[in-house]
Amino acid sequence: MRILTLSYEFPPIGGGGSGVVKGLARELVRLGHAVDVVTMGFRGLPAHEVIDGIDVRRIDIGRRSESKCTAREAFRYVVQARPVVRRLLAEQSYDLVHTHFIFPDGIVALSEAGARGVPYIITAHGSDVPGYNQKPFFKLVHPVLVPMWRRVTRGARAIVSPSQTLAGLIESMQPGTEVLVIENGIDVDKYRPLQKAEQILVATRLVERKGVQYVLRALAGSGLGWQAIVVGSGEYQEPLKRLNEELGRPARFVGWLDNESAEFRELLEKSAIYALPSAFENFPVGLLEAMAAGAAIVTTRGHGCEEVVGDAAELVTPGCKDADRCVAEIRAAFERLTSDRAYCAQLGARARQRLDEKFGWRVVARKYLDLYERKVRSPGQRQ
């Protein structure tokens, strides 16, 4: 098959969703399919290159941050991506357009692929679904965008969500819509379960809902004696650093690291514990990376995080529901894991086994290929 992939974020820019786009595209190429990608440009990146057999075209819209896209940048991307996609659709015979993120890429898919009768499917990733992200900006803008959001999703041959949590939210926004769940994947050999150091790692985009503040409070005065490291950048970075100072520096902040870098790999593979106490998640790739590295995981129950880890983690109450309880449960989990190294290693091994069985790219890509073939063979029918 020949597939056109639209994703405004593609490595090295973006978060977990960006890595999912690349991982899926790379596996599809490995299986003998052709994949072209249209994405945003960023400082110094070539406008056109081939990466692992993926033909990547980048559109320079003046994006300023590797981890965050502004509304203005997203608007520029839609305007400038449309003629590029229009030209590619005229020049190539694509079987379908795989669109990642309902906004902004879904607008491009609807206006260009939909208008030309080329089937498109959408994979939602979280903040592109109204009601998922509770930040004031999204609460303000999503109600305005709902009519267009519904047009985009109605035009898709299929809608995919990595988690039941997000699928339920999409179905509530678009009654009668069936959402197919296909989990995010990872190269299971990307990270190795090496000999672990007495080290706790938090690696995430530094926004308030990720719950890093609860980890810092749990560490403060705990007397664990382990090193704690925070990797990432974002709008909540400075408040977190101030809190860290106020609490006596229980953690060391190292800033943003490319997850392909040797420094990040070493930190992840050597960390015995990985923490991600998010208030709400779709299907965080950071947890998949920690599972690949065989880390014992501390994360939150009741949403996408629990769907990823199952029973192979220590689960705590999200801080948005009860901050004090969240801090106490994280501290208790850290104490159990640091005081019993055998249990810590066992939990990490269970996480790695779950990853091998469920989330390798070979398994995930074949689910997508089955969907692709059904949607191409059965025009006009939604899964």
Foldseek 3Di string as FASTA:
>chain_A
DEEEEEDQAAPPAEFQVNVLVVLLQLVVVVVPYAYEYEYADDPPDDQWDADNRYTYGHDYQPADDRYDDDPVSQVSCLVVVQVVVQVVVVVDPHLAYEYEACPPRLVSCCVRVLVVVHAYEYEYFFLSFQPRDPPPVSVVCVVVCLVVSQSSHVSHQAYEFQAPQVQVSNCVSPPPHHYHHFHRFDALQLAAQDAADLEEEEEDADDVQQPVLLVLLLQQPLPLPGAYEYEHYYDCVVVSVVSCVVSPNSYHYDYHDRCNDPVVRVNLLHHQEYEGAGPEGRAHVVLLSNLSSLHAYEYEDDYNVCVLQPPLHQYFHRCVVPVVRRSVSSNVRSVVCSVDVVVSNVSSPSSSVSNVVGHHSVVSSVVVVVVSVVCSVDPPHHD
